[in-house]
Amino acid sequence: SANIPAAQGATAPAEQVPTQSAEAPQVLHLMVGRSIVITSPTRIRRVSVADPAIADAIVVNPNQVLVNGKAAGGVSLLLWDDQDQTQAFEVSVDIDILSLSEKIHEVFPTEQVQIETSKDSVILSGHASSAAVAEKILEVVKNATPKVTSLIQTPAVQPGEILLEVKFAEVDRSL
């Protein structure tokens, strides 16, 4: 694993991946907001990413490509060398739910909420102490990823109950 300076939104050290000349595409996994470096034994002439909204690829030197995860999903990456030979990769970009879960439990330490992913969306489940707290948790997760489904259970409010605030005031009628 090599440390590469941050480039175009990369926020963490990049992981170095050697290329393979096998016919089946190599599968690469990275998190949204993270980067990996692909090292090729031959000089890279051109790169192509099927969907630049999911990941982008930058040639950082003649034998290395920096791949940045931008959004959750899967994308194909192709590299061409000087002899027009291609190397194919399937890049899977996932949401970093471990750090998201740590953040939720740090901000809401008493809430029993679990976080899971399903493809490019996040699912919240468990129990929250109130509907307002469940809404705040949902808001925090929506800041990290737009596709969120909340299955958080909250205590039921009993129908027909009315909360009254009663104040007594003494008034002197003779004044």
C-alpha atoms as a PDB file:
ATOM      1  CA  SER A   1       0.000   0.000   0.000  1.00  0.00           C
ATOM      2  CA  ALA A   2       1.490   3.325  -1.082  1.00  0.00           C
ATOM      3  CA  ASN A   3       0.590   6.822   0.041  1.00  0.00           C
ATOM      4  CA  ILE A   4      -0.361   9.016  -2.901  1.00  0.00           C
ATOM      5  CA  PRO A   5      -1.073  12.747  -2.499  1.00  0.00           C
ATOM      6  CA  ALA A   6      -4.773  13.637  -2.591  1.00  0.00           C
ATOM      7  CA  ALA A   7      -6.072  14.384  -6.056  1.00  0.00           C
ATOM      8  CA  GLN A   8      -9.543  15.504  -7.120  1.00  0.00           C
ATOM      9  CA  GLY A   9     -11.326  14.820  -3.864  1.00  0.00           C
ATOM     10  CA  ALA A  10      -9.310  11.820  -2.723  1.00  0.00           C
ATOM     11  CA  THR A  11      -9.322  11.972   1.065  1.00  0.00           C
ATOM     12  CA  ALA A  12      -7.421   8.895   2.138  1.00  0.00           C
ATOM     13  CA  PRO A  13      -4.223   7.092   1.267  1.00  0.00           C
ATOM     14  CA  ALA A  14      -4.504   5.178  -1.980  1.00  0.00           C
ATOM     15  CA  GLU A  15      -4.180   1.425  -2.179  1.00  0.00           C
ATOM     16  CA  GLN A  16      -1.868   0.109  -4.893  1.00  0.00           C
ATOM     17  CA  VAL A  17      -3.231  -2.632  -7.165  1.00  0.00           C
ATOM     18  CA  PRO A  18      -1.021  -4.448  -9.706  1.00  0.00           C
ATOM     19  CA  THR A  19      -2.640  -5.115 -13.081  1.00  0.00           C
ATOM     20  CA  GLN A  20      -3.174  -8.577 -14.511  1.00  0.00           C
ATOM     21  CA  SER A  21      -3.216  -9.521 -18.158  1.00  0.00           C
ATOM     22  CA  ALA A  22      -5.917 -12.163 -17.698  1.00  0.00           C
ATOM     23  CA  GLU A  23      -8.912 -12.049 -20.041  1.00  0.00           C
ATOM     24  CA  ALA A  24     -11.511 -11.777 -17.267  1.00  0.00           C
ATOM     25  CA  PRO A  25     -11.749  -8.295 -15.771  1.00  0.00           C
ATOM     26  CA  GLN A  26     -10.159  -7.843 -12.370  1.00  0.00           C
ATOM     27  CA  VAL A  27     -12.599  -6.724  -9.674  1.00  0.00           C
ATOM     28  CA  LEU A  28     -11.593  -3.719  -7.578  1.00  0.00           C
ATOM     29  CA  HIS A  29     -13.414  -2.576  -4.434  1.00  0.00           C
ATOM     30  CA  LEU A  30     -13.175   0.898  -2.948  1.00  0.00           C
ATOM     31  CA  MET A  31     -15.265   3.218  -0.808  1.00  0.00           C
ATOM     32  CA  VAL A  32     -16.906   6.489  -1.766  1.00  0.00           C
ATOM     33  CA  GLY A  33     -14.367   9.249  -1.208  1.00  0.00           C
ATOM     34  CA  ARG A  34     -11.383   6.863  -1.280  1.00  0.00           C
ATOM     35  CA  SER A  35      -8.768   6.119  -3.934  1.00  0.00           C
ATOM     36  CA  ILE A  36      -6.697   3.250  -5.280  1.00  0.00           C
ATOM     37  CA  VAL A  37      -3.656   3.217  -7.542  1.00  0.00           C
ATOM     38  CA  ILE A  38      -3.454   0.733 -10.413  1.00  0.00           C
ATOM     39  CA  THR A  39       0.114  -0.077 -11.470  1.00  0.00           C
ATOM     40  CA  SER A  40       0.659  -1.453 -14.961  1.00  0.00           C
ATOM     41  CA  PRO A  41       3.772  -3.309 -16.132  1.00  0.00           C
ATOM     42  CA  THR A  42       3.437  -1.495 -19.486  1.00  0.00           C
ATOM     43  CA  ARG A  43       3.060   2.194 -20.281  1.00  0.00           C
ATOM     44  CA  ILE A  44      -0.542   3.379 -20.118  1.00  0.00           C
ATOM     45  CA  ARG A  45      -1.643   5.336 -23.151  1.00  0.00           C
ATOM     46  CA  ARG A  46      -5.369   5.862 -22.484  1.00  0.00           C
ATOM     47  CA  VAL A  47      -8.050   5.179 -19.830  1.00  0.00           C
ATOM     48  CA  SER A  48     -11.822   5.011 -19.999  1.00  0.00           C
ATOM     49  CA  VAL A  49     -14.411   4.886 -17.201  1.00  0.00           C
ATOM     50  CA  ALA A  50     -17.945   3.861 -18.189  1.00  0.00           C
ATOM     51  CA  ASP A  51     -19.643   6.249 -15.728  1.00  0.00           C
ATOM     52  CA  PRO A  52     -17.536   9.146 -14.410  1.00  0.00           C
ATOM     53  CA  ALA A  53     -20.252   9.944 -11.831  1.00  0.00           C
ATOM     54  CA  ILE A  54     -19.342   6.698  -9.980  1.00  0.00           C
ATOM     55  CA  ALA A  55     -15.540   6.802 -10.335  1.00  0.00           C
ATOM     56  CA  ASP A  56     -12.911   8.747 -12.193  1.00  0.00           C
ATOM     57  CA  ALA A  57      -9.465   7.675 -13.368  1.00  0.00           C
ATOM     58  CA  ILE A  58      -6.393   9.880 -13.719  1.00  0.00           C
ATOM     59  CA  VAL A  59      -3.072   8.798 -15.239  1.00  0.00           C
ATOM     60  CA  VAL A  60      -0.544   9.971 -12.633  1.00  0.00           C
ATOM     61  CA  ASN A  61       2.553   8.646 -14.405  1.00  0.00           C
ATOM     62  CA  PRO A  62       3.132   6.409 -17.465  1.00  0.00           C
ATOM     63  CA  ASN A  63       2.572   3.213 -15.442  1.00  0.00           C
ATOM     64  CA  GLN A  64       0.012   4.274 -12.805  1.00  0.00           C
ATOM     65  CA  VAL A  65      -3.647   5.273 -12.752  1.00  0.00           C
ATOM     66  CA  LEU A  66      -5.374   6.813  -9.729  1.00  0.00           C
ATOM     67  CA  VAL A  67      -9.027   5.723  -9.389  1.00  0.00           C
ATOM     68  CA  ASN A  68     -11.281   7.837  -7.138  1.00  0.00           C
ATOM     69  CA  GLY A  69     -14.611   6.529  -5.831  1.00  0.00           C
ATOM     70  CA  LYS A  70     -17.240   9.273  -6.241  1.00  0.00           C
ATOM     71  CA  ALA A  71     -20.620   7.554  -5.725  1.00  0.00           C
ATOM     72  CA  ALA A  72     -21.892   4.089  -4.848  1.00  0.00           C
ATOM     73  CA  GLY A  73     -22.270   1.697  -7.760  1.00  0.00           C
ATOM     74  CA  GLY A  74     -20.349  -0.394 -10.239  1.00  0.00           C
ATOM     75  CA  VAL A  75     -18.392   0.783 -13.260  1.00  0.00           C
ATOM     76  CA  SER A  76     -16.096  -0.636 -15.941  1.00  0.00           C
ATOM     77  CA  LEU A  77     -12.566   0.721 -16.316  1.00  0.00           C
ATOM     78  CA  LEU A  78     -10.387   0.047 -19.361  1.00  0.00           C
ATOM     79  CA  LEU A  79      -6.673   0.786 -19.768  1.00  0.00           C
ATOM     80  CA  TRP A  80      -4.844   0.769 -23.112  1.00  0.00           C
ATOM     81  CA  ASP A  81      -1.081   0.381 -23.367  1.00  0.00           C
ATOM     82  CA  ASP A  82       1.340   1.473 -26.139  1.00  0.00           C
ATOM     83  CA  GLN A  83       0.575  -1.679 -28.163  1.00  0.00           C
ATOM     84  CA  ASP A  84      -3.227  -1.076 -27.917  1.00  0.00           C
ATOM     85  CA  GLN A  85      -3.636  -4.030 -25.547  1.00  0.00           C
ATOM     86  CA  THR A  86      -6.466  -3.500 -23.075  1.00  0.00           C
ATOM     87  CA  GLN A  87      -6.720  -4.308 -19.391  1.00  0.00           C
ATOM     88  CA  ALA A  88     -10.270  -4.473 -18.029  1.00  0.00           C
ATOM     89  CA  PHE A  89     -11.402  -3.810 -14.460  1.00  0.00           C
ATOM     90  CA  GLU A  90     -14.784  -3.907 -12.782  1.00  0.00           C
ATOM     91  CA  VAL A  91     -14.750  -1.223 -10.099  1.00  0.00           C
ATOM     92  CA  SER A  92     -17.224  -1.589  -7.237  1.00  0.00           C
ATOM     93  CA  VAL A  93     -17.657   1.597  -5.203  1.00  0.00           C
ATOM     94  CA  ASP A  94     -19.386   1.126  -1.852  1.00  0.00           C
ATOM     95  CA  ILE A  95     -20.630   3.442   0.877  1.00  0.00           C
ATOM     96  CA  ASP A  96     -18.404   3.416   3.955  1.00  0.00           C
ATOM     97  CA  ILE A  97     -21.066   2.311   6.454  1.00  0.00           C
ATOM     98  CA  LEU A  98     -18.504   1.509   9.158  1.00  0.00           C
ATOM     99  CA  SER A  99     -17.519   5.158   9.601  1.00  0.00           C
ATOM    100  CA  LEU A 100     -21.159   6.219   9.150  1.00  0.00           C
ATOM    101  CA  SER A 101     -22.229   3.787  11.875  1.00  0.00           C
ATOM    102  CA  GLU A 102     -19.473   5.061  14.189  1.00  0.00           C
ATOM    103  CA  LYS A 103     -20.618   8.628  13.579  1.00  0.00           C
ATOM    104  CA  ILE A 104     -24.264   7.777  14.411  1.00  0.00           C
ATOM    105  CA  HIS A 105     -23.283   5.953  17.612  1.00  0.00           C
ATOM    106  CA  GLU A 106     -20.996   8.817  18.603  1.00  0.00           C
ATOM    107  CA  VAL A 107     -23.715  11.454  18.172  1.00  0.00           C
ATOM    108  CA  PHE A 108     -26.562   9.248  19.478  1.00  0.00           C
ATOM    109  CA  PRO A 109     -24.858   6.840  21.933  1.00  0.00           C
ATOM    110  CA  THR A 110     -28.071   5.574  23.598  1.00  0.00           C
ATOM    111  CA  GLU A 111     -30.003   4.803  20.410  1.00  0.00           C
ATOM    112  CA  GLN A 112     -30.214   1.200  19.179  1.00  0.00           C
ATOM    113  CA  VAL A 113     -29.879   1.848  15.427  1.00  0.00           C
ATOM    114  CA  GLN A 114     -28.203  -0.422  12.852  1.00  0.00           C
ATOM    115  CA  ILE A 115     -26.960   0.617   9.405  1.00  0.00           C
ATOM    116  CA  GLU A 116     -26.750  -1.693   6.372  1.00  0.00           C
ATOM    117  CA  THR A 117     -26.242  -1.216   2.647  1.00  0.00           C
ATOM    118  CA  SER A 118     -28.165  -2.626  -0.252  1.00  0.00           C
ATOM    119  CA  LYS A 119     -26.433  -1.825  -3.542  1.00  0.00           C
ATOM    120  CA  ASP A 120     -26.273   1.996  -3.629  1.00  0.00           C
ATOM    121  CA  SER A 121     -28.633   2.761  -0.745  1.00  0.00           C
ATOM    122  CA  VAL A 122     -28.446   2.700   3.047  1.00  0.00           C
ATOM    123  CA  ILE A 123     -31.048   1.031   5.274  1.00  0.00           C
ATOM    124  CA  LEU A 124     -31.555   2.168   8.865  1.00  0.00           C
ATOM    125  CA  SER A 125     -33.213  -0.201  11.326  1.00  0.00           C
ATOM    126  CA  GLY A 126     -33.589  -0.655  15.067  1.00  0.00           C
ATOM    127  CA  HIS A 127     -35.221   1.470  17.749  1.00  0.00           C
ATOM    128  CA  ALA A 128     -35.051   5.174  18.550  1.00  0.00           C
ATOM    129  CA  SER A 129     -36.278   6.833  21.725  1.00  0.00           C
ATOM    130  CA  SER A 130     -38.561   9.233  19.808  1.00  0.00           C
ATOM    131  CA  ALA A 131     -39.718  10.151  16.326  1.00  0.00           C
ATOM    132  CA  ALA A 132     -37.693  13.383  16.566  1.00  0.00           C
ATOM    133  CA  VAL A 133     -34.476  11.438  17.285  1.00  0.00           C
ATOM    134  CA  ALA A 134     -35.213   9.019  14.401  1.00  0.00           C
ATOM    135  CA  GLU A 135     -35.654  12.024  12.102  1.00  0.00           C
ATOM    136  CA  LYS A 136     -32.318  13.523  13.242  1.00  0.00           C
ATOM    137  CA  ILE A 137     -30.524  10.207  12.593  1.00  0.00           C
ATOM    138  CA  LEU A 138     -32.082  10.044   9.121  1.00  0.00           C
ATOM    139  CA  GLU A 139     -30.918  13.612   8.481  1.00  0.00           C
ATOM    140  CA  VAL A 140     -27.311  12.769   9.459  1.00  0.00           C
ATOM    141  CA  VAL A 141     -27.248   9.747   7.128  1.00  0.00           C
ATOM    142  CA  LYS A 142     -28.818  11.725   4.251  1.00  0.00           C
ATOM    143  CA  ASN A 143     -25.860  14.117   4.477  1.00  0.00           C
ATOM    144  CA  ALA A 144     -23.560  11.174   3.664  1.00  0.00           C
ATOM    145  CA  THR A 145     -25.706   9.505   0.985  1.00  0.00           C
ATOM    146  CA  PRO A 146     -28.960  10.568  -0.658  1.00  0.00           C
ATOM    147  CA  LYS A 147     -30.514   7.098  -0.943  1.00  0.00           C
ATOM    148  CA  VAL A 148     -31.663   6.185   2.573  1.00  0.00           C
ATOM    149  CA  THR A 149     -34.550   4.043   3.772  1.00  0.00           C
ATOM    150  CA  SER A 150     -35.496   4.335   7.423  1.00  0.00           C
ATOM    151  CA  LEU A 151     -37.093   1.356   9.169  1.00  0.00           C
ATOM    152  CA  ILE A 152     -36.378   2.802  12.619  1.00  0.00           C
ATOM    153  CA  GLN A 153     -39.117   2.003  15.103  1.00  0.00           C
ATOM    154  CA  THR A 154     -40.205   4.629  17.631  1.00  0.00           C
ATOM    155  CA  PRO A 155     -42.483   4.406  20.669  1.00  0.00           C
ATOM    156  CA  ALA A 156     -46.145   4.750  19.720  1.00  0.00           C
ATOM    157  CA  VAL A 157     -47.989   7.825  20.898  1.00  0.00           C
ATOM    158  CA  GLN A 158     -51.236   6.866  22.617  1.00  0.00           C
ATOM    159  CA  PRO A 159     -54.210   8.272  20.679  1.00  0.00           C
ATOM    160  CA  GLY A 160     -56.549  10.561  22.572  1.00  0.00           C
ATOM    161  CA  GLU A 161     -53.948  11.788  25.037  1.00  0.00           C
ATOM    162  CA  ILE A 162     -53.727  15.534  25.307  1.00  0.00           C
ATOM    163  CA  LEU A 163     -50.882  17.338  26.977  1.00  0.00           C
ATOM    164  CA  LEU A 164     -52.120  20.406  28.801  1.00  0.00           C
ATOM    165  CA  GLU A 165     -50.174  23.135  30.447  1.00  0.00           C
ATOM    166  CA  VAL A 166     -52.294  24.740  33.155  1.00  0.00           C
ATOM    167  CA  LYS A 167     -51.455  28.075  34.739  1.00  0.00           C
ATOM    168  CA  PHE A 168     -53.329  29.644  37.658  1.00  0.00           C
ATOM    169  CA  ALA A 169     -53.497  33.366  38.085  1.00  0.00           C
ATOM    170  CA  GLU A 170     -55.060  35.254  40.962  1.00  0.00           C
ATOM    171  CA  VAL A 171     -57.006  38.334  39.931  1.00  0.00           C
ATOM    172  CA  ASP A 172     -58.386  40.868  42.356  1.00  0.00           C
ATOM    173  CA  ARG A 173     -61.850  41.934  41.054  1.00  0.00           C
ATOM    174  CA  SER A 174     -62.018  45.073  43.150  1.00  0.00           C
ATOM    175  CA  LEU A 175     -59.176  46.688  41.190  1.00  0.00           C
END
